[in-house]
């Protein structure tokens, strides 16, 4: 879901789809997408210009024409997750790849996202405490 200009603010997403014969054309840019470098399927949230501009979910498959995935290098934390930038240029998404229960972001995934933000804050606090404890232990043993 995350985009370069607005992070995870779904109300500002710029990635969009437009209806075409047999499916949709997807255009936009995503950032910090976890494990996208090797995933076979990626769930993408995009504005549907043909359905009241609602943010809806679509499944993009590895290797679809028009999709470029670039690994983000030099991360400071959470290195176990490979994050990537993804660019979509007229990526054709078949009708069957539209998520049936993801028709309105505010009534679906946003509910989960709002709850999970607490976890993100706690991760940061946990990492800070761990760094402090490791530093303190080192300082107390150092001669």
Protein backbone atom coordinates (compact mmCIF):
# COMPACT_ATOMS: atom_id res chain seq x y z
CA UNK A 1 0.00 0.00 0.00
CA UNK A 2 2.77 2.46 0.89
CA UNK A 3 3.69 5.14 -1.64
CA UNK A 4 6.72 7.48 -1.85
CA UNK A 5 4.87 10.77 -1.27
CA UNK A 6 2.33 9.75 1.37
CA UNK A 7 3.53 6.62 3.15
CA UNK A 8 0.61 4.50 4.29
CA UNK A 9 -1.94 7.33 4.14
CA UNK A 10 -4.60 5.60 2.06
CA UNK A 11 -6.59 8.80 1.68
CA UNK A 12 -3.77 10.19 -0.48
CA UNK A 13 -2.91 7.14 -2.62
CA UNK A 14 -2.12 8.03 -6.22
CA UNK A 15 -1.78 4.53 -7.70
CA UNK A 16 -4.87 3.83 -9.78
CA UNK A 17 -6.64 1.38 -12.04
CA UNK A 18 -8.92 2.02 -15.00
CA UNK A 19 -11.32 -0.53 -16.43
CA UNK A 20 -10.37 -2.08 -19.75
CA UNK A 21 -11.61 -5.08 -21.69
CA UNK A 22 -11.26 -8.17 -19.48
CA UNK A 23 -9.75 -6.37 -16.49
CA UNK A 24 -7.91 -3.26 -15.39
CA UNK A 25 -4.80 -1.23 -16.23
CA UNK A 26 -2.69 -0.40 -13.16
CA UNK A 27 -0.42 2.67 -12.94
CA UNK A 28 1.58 4.13 -10.06
CA UNK A 29 4.46 3.61 -7.64
CA UNK A 30 4.67 1.74 -4.34
CA UNK A 31 7.48 1.93 -1.75
CA UNK A 32 8.69 -0.26 1.14
CA UNK A 33 6.78 -3.30 -0.11
CA UNK A 34 7.89 -6.26 2.01
CA UNK A 35 9.40 -9.25 0.21
CA UNK A 36 8.22 -8.03 -3.20
CA UNK A 37 11.60 -8.94 -4.70
CA UNK A 38 10.76 -12.65 -4.57
CA UNK A 39 6.98 -12.81 -4.04
CA UNK A 40 4.87 -14.64 -6.61
CA UNK A 41 1.82 -12.50 -5.79
CA UNK A 42 1.52 -8.94 -4.51
CA UNK A 43 -1.65 -7.37 -3.13
CA UNK A 44 -1.88 -3.80 -4.44
CA UNK A 45 -4.23 -1.11 -3.17
CA UNK A 46 -5.22 1.32 -5.91
CA UNK A 47 -7.91 3.88 -6.66
CA UNK A 48 -10.51 2.56 -9.07
CA UNK A 49 -11.22 5.52 -11.36
CA UNK A 50 -14.32 3.71 -12.66
CA UNK A 51 -15.82 3.05 -9.20
CA UNK A 52 -16.06 6.38 -7.32
CA UNK A 53 -12.28 6.51 -6.91
CA UNK A 54 -12.55 3.93 -4.10
CA UNK A 55 -9.31 2.34 -2.91
CA UNK A 56 -9.63 -1.34 -3.78
CA UNK A 57 -7.44 -4.44 -3.69
CA UNK A 58 -5.92 -6.24 -6.68
CA UNK A 59 -3.53 -9.18 -7.01
CA UNK A 60 -0.52 -8.60 -9.25
CA UNK A 61 1.44 -11.67 -10.32
CA UNK A 62 5.21 -11.94 -10.59
CA UNK A 63 6.45 -11.15 -14.08
CA UNK A 64 3.45 -9.16 -15.31
CA UNK A 65 4.43 -6.86 -18.17
CA UNK A 66 4.93 -3.24 -17.09
CA UNK A 67 5.91 -3.98 -13.48
CA UNK A 68 9.42 -3.07 -12.26
CA UNK A 69 10.62 -4.16 -8.81
CA UNK A 70 13.77 -2.65 -7.25
CA UNK A 71 15.19 -3.83 -3.90
CA UNK A 72 15.79 -1.06 -1.35
CA UNK A 73 19.43 -1.33 -0.24
CA UNK A 74 21.18 -0.10 2.91
CA UNK A 75 18.35 -0.43 5.42
CA UNK A 76 19.18 0.27 9.07
CA UNK A 77 16.57 -1.99 10.71
CA UNK A 78 14.35 -5.00 10.00
CA UNK A 79 16.88 -6.37 7.55
CA UNK A 80 15.17 -9.76 7.60
CA UNK A 81 12.47 -8.27 5.35
CA UNK A 82 13.53 -7.33 1.84
CA UNK A 83 11.70 -4.13 0.95
CA UNK A 84 11.26 -2.87 -2.59
CA UNK A 85 10.03 -0.06 -4.76
CA UNK A 86 7.53 -1.13 -7.41
CA UNK A 87 6.57 0.83 -10.52
CA UNK A 88 3.45 -0.09 -12.48
CA UNK A 89 3.11 1.15 -16.06
CA UNK A 90 -0.12 0.00 -17.70
CA UNK A 91 0.04 -3.39 -16.00
CA UNK A 92 -2.93 -5.45 -17.16
CA UNK A 93 -4.75 -7.09 -14.24
CA UNK A 94 -7.37 -9.70 -15.22
CA UNK A 95 -10.86 -9.24 -13.75
CA UNK A 96 -10.36 -12.42 -11.66
CA UNK A 97 -7.46 -10.69 -9.82
CA UNK A 98 -9.69 -8.04 -8.26
CA UNK A 99 -10.18 -8.96 -4.59
CA UNK A 100 -13.89 -9.58 -4.06
CA UNK A 101 -13.95 -8.46 -0.41
CA UNK A 102 -11.58 -5.51 -0.81
CA UNK A 103 -13.96 -3.08 -2.48
CA UNK A 104 -13.57 -0.18 -0.07
CA UNK A 105 -10.32 0.29 1.85
CA UNK A 106 -11.97 2.26 4.67
CA UNK A 107 -14.29 -0.65 5.48
CA UNK A 108 -11.75 -3.44 5.11
CA UNK A 109 -7.95 -3.22 5.35
CA UNK A 110 -7.90 0.21 7.01
CA UNK A 111 -9.52 -1.30 10.10
CA UNK A 112 -6.58 -3.71 10.44
CA UNK A 113 -4.03 -1.02 9.56
CA UNK A 114 -5.26 1.32 12.27
CA UNK A 115 -4.83 -1.42 14.88
CA UNK A 116 -1.40 -2.53 13.61
CA UNK A 117 0.13 0.95 13.87
CA UNK A 118 0.46 0.42 17.63
CA UNK A 119 2.66 -2.60 16.90
CA UNK A 120 4.94 -0.52 14.70
CA UNK A 121 5.46 1.97 17.53
CA UNK A 122 6.14 -0.84 19.98
CA UNK A 123 8.73 -2.34 17.61
CA UNK A 124 10.60 0.98 17.58
CA UNK A 125 10.47 1.24 21.36
CA UNK A 126 11.69 -2.36 21.70
CA UNK A 127 14.62 -1.78 19.36
CA UNK A 128 15.59 1.37 21.28
CA UNK A 129 15.49 -0.50 24.61
CA UNK A 130 17.57 -3.32 23.11
CA UNK A 131 20.17 -0.86 21.82
CA UNK A 132 20.31 0.86 25.21
CA UNK A 133 20.72 -2.43 27.10
CA UNK A 134 23.46 -3.66 24.74
CA UNK A 135 25.29 -0.33 25.05
CA UNK A 136 24.99 -0.30 28.83
CA UNK A 137 26.30 -3.86 29.10
CA UNK A 138 29.25 -2.99 26.86
CA UNK A 139 30.04 0.18 28.82
CA UNK A 140 29.93 -1.61 32.19
CA UNK A 141 32.33 -4.36 30.99
CA UNK A 142 34.70 -2.05 29.13
CA UNK A 143 38.05 -1.25 30.74
